[in-house]
């Protein structure tokens, strides 16, 4: 298990960190903020002996990476990256076929955060991202996840293709989102599955696509030729959910 420092910004992100049991070392609150969410954060911080500092808005603005701190910034001791085995064990404990999300070089932290949030709501057991040329669990990603970052495990791997090969030996098959693929409604998306979502601009890379079992497309009728990566992930994920429920 690997650890990375994490700065949390925004009321929901900080409150979910406390509620999920994550260790929060220090919380900075804007002077004068006394509304309900801030009082709740203050109460949770006191329960866990977290260091509390009241500071001026200008100080928070200087500390902020996202520019949307909402009067609250916290330093968490660490956020752990799960292992792929831990993600699979999560599926086993729930008695469900593994449902994994693999991200091929997503670069926008807001996309990553949105994907984590949607993965949590669709019941995906975890997300796998590459170590290089991809965004990690930054403050912006954490905020965009609206707290889901504390509940949906994310694993970082050195080589996405090698990881897929290993997972295939364990019975998982892979479908990538691709405009040239067969329409998703005509495909069988049940069973142990890994959904692969590509880079915002270039899509799924050649080697990763070649290692997928097939590609699925989303029917589109508008004047532009693609969807945002996190939106495409959500549409495809809910088709997987629909088929599983059926």
C-alpha atoms as a PDB file:
ATOM      1  CA  UNK A   1       0.000   0.000   0.000  1.00  0.00           C
ATOM      2  CA  UNK A   2       1.404   3.397  -1.004  1.00  0.00           C
ATOM      3  CA  UNK A   3       0.749   6.752   0.624  1.00  0.00           C
ATOM      4  CA  UNK A   4       0.617  10.303  -0.693  1.00  0.00           C
ATOM      5  CA  UNK A   5       0.086  13.607   1.049  1.00  0.00           C
ATOM      6  CA  UNK A   6      -3.318  15.094   0.368  1.00  0.00           C
ATOM      7  CA  UNK A   7      -4.683  18.599   0.784  1.00  0.00           C
ATOM      8  CA  UNK A   8      -8.449  18.681   1.109  1.00  0.00           C
ATOM      9  CA  UNK A   9     -10.442  21.745   0.090  1.00  0.00           C
ATOM     10  CA  UNK A  10     -14.123  22.499   0.428  1.00  0.00           C
ATOM     11  CA  UNK A  11     -16.676  21.672   3.079  1.00  0.00           C
ATOM     12  CA  UNK A  12     -17.938  18.379   1.658  1.00  0.00           C
ATOM     13  CA  UNK A  13     -14.434  17.014   1.022  1.00  0.00           C
ATOM     14  CA  UNK A  14     -13.216  17.834   4.541  1.00  0.00           C
ATOM     15  CA  UNK A  15     -16.387  16.629   6.252  1.00  0.00           C
ATOM     16  CA  UNK A  16     -16.341  13.314   4.375  1.00  0.00           C
ATOM     17  CA  UNK A  17     -12.705  12.831   5.392  1.00  0.00           C
ATOM     18  CA  UNK A  18     -13.710  13.037   9.046  1.00  0.00           C
ATOM     19  CA  UNK A  19     -16.791  10.868   8.574  1.00  0.00           C
ATOM     20  CA  UNK A  20     -14.864   8.153   6.746  1.00  0.00           C
ATOM     21  CA  UNK A  21     -12.313   7.936   9.543  1.00  0.00           C
ATOM     22  CA  UNK A  22      -9.388   9.365   7.609  1.00  0.00           C
ATOM     23  CA  UNK A  23      -6.709  10.963   9.774  1.00  0.00           C
ATOM     24  CA  UNK A  24      -6.791  14.744   9.414  1.00  0.00           C
ATOM     25  CA  UNK A  25      -3.759  16.470  10.910  1.00  0.00           C
ATOM     26  CA  UNK A  26      -4.827  20.094  10.669  1.00  0.00           C
ATOM     27  CA  UNK A  27      -7.846  22.078   9.549  1.00  0.00           C
ATOM     28  CA  UNK A  28      -7.889  25.752   8.597  1.00  0.00           C
ATOM     29  CA  UNK A  29     -11.208  27.589   8.950  1.00  0.00           C
ATOM     30  CA  UNK A  30     -12.000  31.063   7.722  1.00  0.00           C
ATOM     31  CA  UNK A  31     -12.483  33.639  10.466  1.00  0.00           C
ATOM     32  CA  UNK A  32     -16.128  34.532  10.888  1.00  0.00           C
ATOM     33  CA  UNK A  33     -17.603  31.409   9.241  1.00  0.00           C
ATOM     34  CA  UNK A  34     -20.224  30.078  11.642  1.00  0.00           C
ATOM     35  CA  UNK A  35     -22.727  28.294   9.405  1.00  0.00           C
ATOM     36  CA  UNK A  36     -23.924  24.739   9.910  1.00  0.00           C
ATOM     37  CA  UNK A  37     -21.360  22.848   7.790  1.00  0.00           C
ATOM     38  CA  UNK A  38     -18.449  24.741   9.356  1.00  0.00           C
ATOM     39  CA  UNK A  39     -19.760  24.071  12.876  1.00  0.00           C
ATOM     40  CA  UNK A  40     -20.078  20.378  11.979  1.00  0.00           C
ATOM     41  CA  UNK A  41     -16.469  20.296  10.729  1.00  0.00           C
ATOM     42  CA  UNK A  42     -15.333  22.054  13.899  1.00  0.00           C
ATOM     43  CA  UNK A  43     -17.167  19.513  16.043  1.00  0.00           C
ATOM     44  CA  UNK A  44     -15.665  16.564  14.123  1.00  0.00           C
ATOM     45  CA  UNK A  45     -12.180  18.091  14.364  1.00  0.00           C
ATOM     46  CA  UNK A  46     -12.475  18.455  18.136  1.00  0.00           C
ATOM     47  CA  UNK A  47     -13.561  14.809  18.452  1.00  0.00           C
ATOM     48  CA  UNK A  48     -10.338  13.620  16.829  1.00  0.00           C
ATOM     49  CA  UNK A  49      -7.978  16.182  18.398  1.00  0.00           C
ATOM     50  CA  UNK A  50      -7.229  17.670  14.994  1.00  0.00           C
ATOM     51  CA  UNK A  51      -5.285  20.943  15.155  1.00  0.00           C
ATOM     52  CA  UNK A  52      -7.695  23.782  14.342  1.00  0.00           C
ATOM     53  CA  UNK A  53      -6.578  27.171  13.039  1.00  0.00           C
ATOM     54  CA  UNK A  54      -8.788  30.148  12.259  1.00  0.00           C
ATOM     55  CA  UNK A  55      -7.259  32.255   9.506  1.00  0.00           C
ATOM     56  CA  UNK A  56      -8.227  35.124   7.243  1.00  0.00           C
ATOM     57  CA  UNK A  57      -9.710  34.468   3.819  1.00  0.00           C
ATOM     58  CA  UNK A  58      -6.556  35.858   2.188  1.00  0.00           C
ATOM     59  CA  UNK A  59      -4.484  33.136   3.833  1.00  0.00           C
ATOM     60  CA  UNK A  60      -6.835  30.409   2.569  1.00  0.00           C
ATOM     61  CA  UNK A  61      -6.726  31.932  -0.911  1.00  0.00           C
ATOM     62  CA  UNK A  62      -2.922  31.657  -0.855  1.00  0.00           C
ATOM     63  CA  UNK A  63      -3.034  28.036   0.347  1.00  0.00           C
ATOM     64  CA  UNK A  64      -5.732  26.932  -2.087  1.00  0.00           C
ATOM     65  CA  UNK A  65      -4.904  24.821  -5.140  1.00  0.00           C
ATOM     66  CA  UNK A  66      -8.444  24.773  -6.464  1.00  0.00           C
ATOM     67  CA  UNK A  67      -9.537  28.347  -5.799  1.00  0.00           C
ATOM     68  CA  UNK A  68     -12.763  26.941  -4.308  1.00  0.00           C
ATOM     69  CA  UNK A  69     -11.943  26.254  -0.682  1.00  0.00           C
ATOM     70  CA  UNK A  70     -15.326  27.479   0.684  1.00  0.00           C
ATOM     71  CA  UNK A  71     -13.572  28.700   3.812  1.00  0.00           C
ATOM     72  CA  UNK A  72     -12.149  25.284   4.715  1.00  0.00           C
ATOM     73  CA  UNK A  73      -8.806  23.620   3.958  1.00  0.00           C
ATOM     74  CA  UNK A  74      -7.444  20.533   5.717  1.00  0.00           C
ATOM     75  CA  UNK A  75      -4.194  18.617   5.636  1.00  0.00           C
ATOM     76  CA  UNK A  76      -4.774  14.891   5.767  1.00  0.00           C
ATOM     77  CA  UNK A  77      -1.970  12.722   7.051  1.00  0.00           C
ATOM     78  CA  UNK A  78      -2.123  10.697   3.869  1.00  0.00           C
ATOM     79  CA  UNK A  79      -4.366   9.179   1.271  1.00  0.00           C
ATOM     80  CA  UNK A  80      -3.543   5.597   0.491  1.00  0.00           C
ATOM     81  CA  UNK A  81      -3.516   4.094  -2.953  1.00  0.00           C
ATOM     82  CA  UNK A  82      -5.032   0.649  -2.826  1.00  0.00           C
ATOM     83  CA  UNK A  83      -3.545  -2.365  -4.563  1.00  0.00           C
ATOM     84  CA  UNK A  84      -5.331  -4.151  -7.386  1.00  0.00           C
ATOM     85  CA  UNK A  85      -5.674  -7.179  -5.109  1.00  0.00           C
ATOM     86  CA  UNK A  86      -7.440  -5.055  -2.507  1.00  0.00           C
ATOM     87  CA  UNK A  87      -9.917  -3.867  -5.120  1.00  0.00           C
ATOM     88  CA  UNK A  88     -10.647  -7.449  -6.186  1.00  0.00           C
ATOM     89  CA  UNK A  89     -11.021  -8.485  -2.556  1.00  0.00           C
ATOM     90  CA  UNK A  90     -13.630  -5.754  -2.155  1.00  0.00           C
ATOM     91  CA  UNK A  91     -15.704  -7.341  -4.915  1.00  0.00           C
ATOM     92  CA  UNK A  92     -15.275 -10.775  -3.348  1.00  0.00           C
ATOM     93  CA  UNK A  93     -16.428  -9.544   0.063  1.00  0.00           C
ATOM     94  CA  UNK A  94     -19.579  -8.136  -1.536  1.00  0.00           C
ATOM     95  CA  UNK A  95     -20.203 -11.362  -3.442  1.00  0.00           C
ATOM     96  CA  UNK A  96     -20.196  -9.487  -6.764  1.00  0.00           C
ATOM     97  CA  UNK A  97     -18.464  -9.881 -10.098  1.00  0.00           C
ATOM     98  CA  UNK A  98     -15.575  -7.394 -10.229  1.00  0.00           C
ATOM     99  CA  UNK A  99     -16.430  -4.085 -11.874  1.00  0.00           C
ATOM    100  CA  UNK A 100     -13.264  -2.050 -12.478  1.00  0.00           C
ATOM    101  CA  UNK A 101     -12.641   1.310 -14.108  1.00  0.00           C
ATOM    102  CA  UNK A 102      -9.288   1.692 -15.887  1.00  0.00           C
ATOM    103  CA  UNK A 103      -8.199   5.178 -16.918  1.00  0.00           C
ATOM    104  CA  UNK A 104      -5.719   5.484 -19.755  1.00  0.00           C
ATOM    105  CA  UNK A 105      -3.841   8.742 -19.051  1.00  0.00           C
ATOM    106  CA  UNK A 106      -6.615  11.012 -17.791  1.00  0.00           C
ATOM    107  CA  UNK A 107      -4.922  14.386 -17.260  1.00  0.00           C
ATOM    108  CA  UNK A 108      -7.646  16.643 -15.847  1.00  0.00           C
ATOM    109  CA  UNK A 109      -8.065  16.348 -12.047  1.00  0.00           C
ATOM    110  CA  UNK A 110     -11.700  17.432 -12.330  1.00  0.00           C
ATOM    111  CA  UNK A 111     -12.374  14.561 -14.726  1.00  0.00           C
ATOM    112  CA  UNK A 112     -10.673  12.139 -12.342  1.00  0.00           C
ATOM    113  CA  UNK A 113     -12.706  13.434  -9.407  1.00  0.00           C
ATOM    114  CA  UNK A 114     -15.950  13.176 -11.361  1.00  0.00           C
ATOM    115  CA  UNK A 115     -15.063   9.639 -12.431  1.00  0.00           C
ATOM    116  CA  UNK A 116     -14.380   8.621  -8.817  1.00  0.00           C
ATOM    117  CA  UNK A 117     -17.733  10.095  -7.801  1.00  0.00           C
ATOM    118  CA  UNK A 118     -19.606   8.244 -10.560  1.00  0.00           C
ATOM    119  CA  UNK A 119     -17.688   5.016  -9.891  1.00  0.00           C
ATOM    120  CA  UNK A 120     -18.866   5.159  -6.301  1.00  0.00           C
ATOM    121  CA  UNK A 121     -22.505   5.641  -7.331  1.00  0.00           C
ATOM    122  CA  UNK A 122     -22.439   2.869  -9.944  1.00  0.00           C
ATOM    123  CA  UNK A 123     -20.986   0.352  -7.510  1.00  0.00           C
ATOM    124  CA  UNK A 124     -17.621  -0.013  -9.237  1.00  0.00           C
ATOM    125  CA  UNK A 125     -15.203  -1.745  -6.893  1.00  0.00           C
ATOM    126  CA  UNK A 126     -12.224   0.440  -7.740  1.00  0.00           C
ATOM    127  CA  UNK A 127     -10.280   2.498 -10.238  1.00  0.00           C
ATOM    128  CA  UNK A 128      -6.886   1.738 -11.772  1.00  0.00           C
ATOM    129  CA  UNK A 129      -4.673   4.540 -13.087  1.00  0.00           C
ATOM    130  CA  UNK A 130      -1.131   4.565 -14.531  1.00  0.00           C
ATOM    131  CA  UNK A 131       1.748   6.107 -12.606  1.00  0.00           C
ATOM    132  CA  UNK A 132       3.031   8.189 -15.497  1.00  0.00           C
ATOM    133  CA  UNK A 133       1.468  10.787 -17.786  1.00  0.00           C
ATOM    134  CA  UNK A 134      -1.736  10.877 -15.753  1.00  0.00           C
ATOM    135  CA  UNK A 135      -3.190  12.924 -12.943  1.00  0.00           C
ATOM    136  CA  UNK A 136      -3.198  11.492  -9.429  1.00  0.00           C
ATOM    137  CA  UNK A 137      -5.206  12.204  -6.300  1.00  0.00           C
ATOM    138  CA  UNK A 138      -4.702  15.955  -6.125  1.00  0.00           C
ATOM    139  CA  UNK A 139      -6.726  18.430  -4.078  1.00  0.00           C
ATOM    140  CA  UNK A 140      -8.732  19.307  -7.195  1.00  0.00           C
ATOM    141  CA  UNK A 141      -9.538  15.650  -7.840  1.00  0.00           C
ATOM    142  CA  UNK A 142     -10.522  15.146  -4.209  1.00  0.00           C
ATOM    143  CA  UNK A 143     -12.877  18.139  -4.285  1.00  0.00           C
ATOM    144  CA  UNK A 144     -14.445  17.100  -7.589  1.00  0.00           C
ATOM    145  CA  UNK A 145     -15.141  13.638  -6.158  1.00  0.00           C
ATOM    146  CA  UNK A 146     -17.405  15.238  -3.503  1.00  0.00           C
ATOM    147  CA  UNK A 147     -16.073  12.885  -0.838  1.00  0.00           C
ATOM    148  CA  UNK A 148     -16.219   9.688  -2.894  1.00  0.00           C
ATOM    149  CA  UNK A 149     -12.413   9.575  -2.835  1.00  0.00           C
ATOM    150  CA  UNK A 150     -12.690   8.214   0.720  1.00  0.00           C
ATOM    151  CA  UNK A 151     -14.883   5.269  -0.287  1.00  0.00           C
ATOM    152  CA  UNK A 152     -13.790   4.169  -3.753  1.00  0.00           C
ATOM    153  CA  UNK A 153     -10.246   2.726  -3.857  1.00  0.00           C
ATOM    154  CA  UNK A 154      -7.783   3.887  -6.492  1.00  0.00           C
ATOM    155  CA  UNK A 155      -4.752   1.806  -7.486  1.00  0.00           C
ATOM    156  CA  UNK A 156      -1.704   3.137  -9.322  1.00  0.00           C
ATOM    157  CA  UNK A 157       0.130   0.708 -11.596  1.00  0.00           C
ATOM    158  CA  UNK A 158       3.376   0.944 -13.550  1.00  0.00           C
ATOM    159  CA  UNK A 159       2.039  -0.634 -16.734  1.00  0.00           C
ATOM    160  CA  UNK A 160      -1.658  -0.640 -17.600  1.00  0.00           C
ATOM    161  CA  UNK A 161      -1.333  -3.281 -20.338  1.00  0.00           C
ATOM    162  CA  UNK A 162       0.573  -5.681 -18.078  1.00  0.00           C
ATOM    163  CA  UNK A 163      -2.029  -5.193 -15.350  1.00  0.00           C
ATOM    164  CA  UNK A 164      -4.796  -5.989 -17.841  1.00  0.00           C
ATOM    165  CA  UNK A 165      -2.978  -9.184 -18.891  1.00  0.00           C
ATOM    166  CA  UNK A 166      -2.772 -10.277 -15.265  1.00  0.00           C
ATOM    167  CA  UNK A 167      -6.439  -9.502 -14.656  1.00  0.00           C
ATOM    168  CA  UNK A 168      -7.478 -11.467 -17.760  1.00  0.00           C
ATOM    169  CA  UNK A 169      -5.912 -14.550 -16.185  1.00  0.00           C
ATOM    170  CA  UNK A 170      -8.246 -13.963 -13.256  1.00  0.00           C
ATOM    171  CA  UNK A 171     -11.342 -13.992 -15.437  1.00  0.00           C
ATOM    172  CA  UNK A 172     -11.849 -10.307 -16.105  1.00  0.00           C
ATOM    173  CA  UNK A 173     -12.531  -9.072 -19.633  1.00  0.00           C
ATOM    174  CA  UNK A 174     -12.166  -5.536 -20.921  1.00  0.00           C
ATOM    175  CA  UNK A 175     -14.274  -3.149 -22.935  1.00  0.00           C
ATOM    176  CA  UNK A 176     -13.004   0.267 -23.970  1.00  0.00           C
ATOM    177  CA  UNK A 177     -15.061   3.293 -24.785  1.00  0.00           C
ATOM    178  CA  UNK A 178     -14.385   4.082 -28.447  1.00  0.00           C
ATOM    179  CA  UNK A 179     -16.390   5.871 -31.125  1.00  0.00           C
ATOM    180  CA  UNK A 180     -15.596   3.127 -33.643  1.00  0.00           C
ATOM    181  CA  UNK A 181     -16.903   0.343 -31.411  1.00  0.00           C
ATOM    182  CA  UNK A 182     -20.224  -1.487 -31.528  1.00  0.00           C
ATOM    183  CA  UNK A 183     -23.098   0.442 -29.917  1.00  0.00           C
ATOM    184  CA  UNK A 184     -23.124  -0.372 -26.197  1.00  0.00           C
ATOM    185  CA  UNK A 185     -26.799  -1.444 -26.184  1.00  0.00           C
ATOM    186  CA  UNK A 186     -25.973  -4.328 -28.519  1.00  0.00           C
ATOM    187  CA  UNK A 187     -23.205  -5.734 -26.338  1.00  0.00           C
ATOM    188  CA  UNK A 188     -23.168  -8.084 -23.394  1.00  0.00           C
ATOM    189  CA  UNK A 189     -21.583  -6.053 -20.576  1.00  0.00           C
ATOM    190  CA  UNK A 190     -22.268  -8.487 -17.758  1.00  0.00           C
ATOM    191  CA  UNK A 191     -19.836 -10.586 -15.727  1.00  0.00           C
ATOM    192  CA  UNK A 192     -16.400  -9.603 -14.377  1.00  0.00           C
ATOM    193  CA  UNK A 193     -15.592  -6.475 -16.359  1.00  0.00           C
ATOM    194  CA  UNK A 194     -13.055  -3.702 -16.687  1.00  0.00           C
ATOM    195  CA  UNK A 195     -14.239  -0.504 -18.387  1.00  0.00           C
ATOM    196  CA  UNK A 196     -11.389   1.388 -20.045  1.00  0.00           C
ATOM    197  CA  UNK A 197     -11.685   5.145 -20.566  1.00  0.00           C
ATOM    198  CA  UNK A 198      -9.094   6.998 -22.627  1.00  0.00           C
ATOM    199  CA  UNK A 199      -7.331  10.336 -22.531  1.00  0.00           C
ATOM    200  CA  UNK A 200      -9.446  13.473 -22.932  1.00  0.00           C
ATOM    201  CA  UNK A 201      -7.933  14.309 -26.318  1.00  0.00           C
ATOM    202  CA  UNK A 202      -6.425  11.192 -27.860  1.00  0.00           C
ATOM    203  CA  UNK A 203      -8.715   8.534 -26.412  1.00  0.00           C
ATOM    204  CA  UNK A 204      -7.546   5.026 -25.559  1.00  0.00           C
ATOM    205  CA  UNK A 205      -3.944   4.405 -26.625  1.00  0.00           C
ATOM    206  CA  UNK A 206      -3.216   1.811 -29.313  1.00  0.00           C
ATOM    207  CA  UNK A 207      -1.591  -0.794 -27.048  1.00  0.00           C
ATOM    208  CA  UNK A 208      -4.327  -0.556 -24.432  1.00  0.00           C
ATOM    209  CA  UNK A 209      -7.053  -0.751 -27.086  1.00  0.00           C
ATOM    210  CA  UNK A 210      -5.430  -3.811 -28.655  1.00  0.00           C
ATOM    211  CA  UNK A 211      -5.480  -5.484 -25.261  1.00  0.00           C
ATOM    212  CA  UNK A 212      -9.226  -4.885 -24.798  1.00  0.00           C
ATOM    213  CA  UNK A 213     -11.636  -7.650 -25.727  1.00  0.00           C
ATOM    214  CA  UNK A 214     -13.837  -5.243 -27.657  1.00  0.00           C
ATOM    215  CA  UNK A 215     -14.876  -1.606 -27.912  1.00  0.00           C
ATOM    216  CA  UNK A 216     -18.225  -0.028 -27.115  1.00  0.00           C
ATOM    217  CA  UNK A 217     -19.575   3.219 -28.514  1.00  0.00           C
ATOM    218  CA  UNK A 218     -22.210   5.605 -27.205  1.00  0.00           C
ATOM    219  CA  UNK A 219     -24.860   6.617 -29.748  1.00  0.00           C
ATOM    220  CA  UNK A 220     -24.630  10.366 -30.363  1.00  0.00           C
ATOM    221  CA  UNK A 221     -26.872  12.586 -32.450  1.00  0.00           C
ATOM    222  CA  UNK A 222     -25.449  16.056 -31.907  1.00  0.00           C
ATOM    223  CA  UNK A 223     -23.143  18.290 -33.886  1.00  0.00           C
ATOM    224  CA  UNK A 224     -19.909  17.458 -32.055  1.00  0.00           C
ATOM    225  CA  UNK A 225     -18.197  14.110 -32.211  1.00  0.00           C
ATOM    226  CA  UNK A 226     -17.380  13.238 -28.601  1.00  0.00           C
ATOM    227  CA  UNK A 227     -18.326  13.469 -24.934  1.00  0.00           C
ATOM    228  CA  UNK A 228     -16.236  14.596 -21.988  1.00  0.00           C
ATOM    229  CA  UNK A 229     -14.253  11.623 -20.602  1.00  0.00           C
ATOM    230  CA  UNK A 230     -16.047  11.608 -17.248  1.00  0.00           C
ATOM    231  CA  UNK A 231     -19.462  11.866 -18.929  1.00  0.00           C
ATOM    232  CA  UNK A 232     -18.640   9.005 -21.308  1.00  0.00           C
ATOM    233  CA  UNK A 233     -17.504   6.929 -18.340  1.00  0.00           C
ATOM    234  CA  UNK A 234     -20.805   7.627 -16.592  1.00  0.00           C
ATOM    235  CA  UNK A 235     -22.949   6.677 -19.590  1.00  0.00           C
ATOM    236  CA  UNK A 236     -21.058   3.417 -20.181  1.00  0.00           C
ATOM    237  CA  UNK A 237     -21.001   2.573 -16.478  1.00  0.00           C
ATOM    238  CA  UNK A 238     -24.732   2.933 -16.134  1.00  0.00           C
ATOM    239  CA  UNK A 239     -25.280   0.670 -19.128  1.00  0.00           C
ATOM    240  CA  UNK A 240     -23.208  -1.919 -17.228  1.00  0.00           C
ATOM    241  CA  UNK A 241     -25.393  -1.292 -14.155  1.00  0.00           C
ATOM    242  CA  UNK A 242     -28.572  -1.649 -16.238  1.00  0.00           C
ATOM    243  CA  UNK A 243     -27.464  -4.971 -17.657  1.00  0.00           C
ATOM    244  CA  UNK A 244     -26.389  -6.247 -14.243  1.00  0.00           C
ATOM    245  CA  UNK A 245     -29.747  -5.324 -12.728  1.00  0.00           C
ATOM    246  CA  UNK A 246     -31.597  -7.032 -15.565  1.00  0.00           C
END
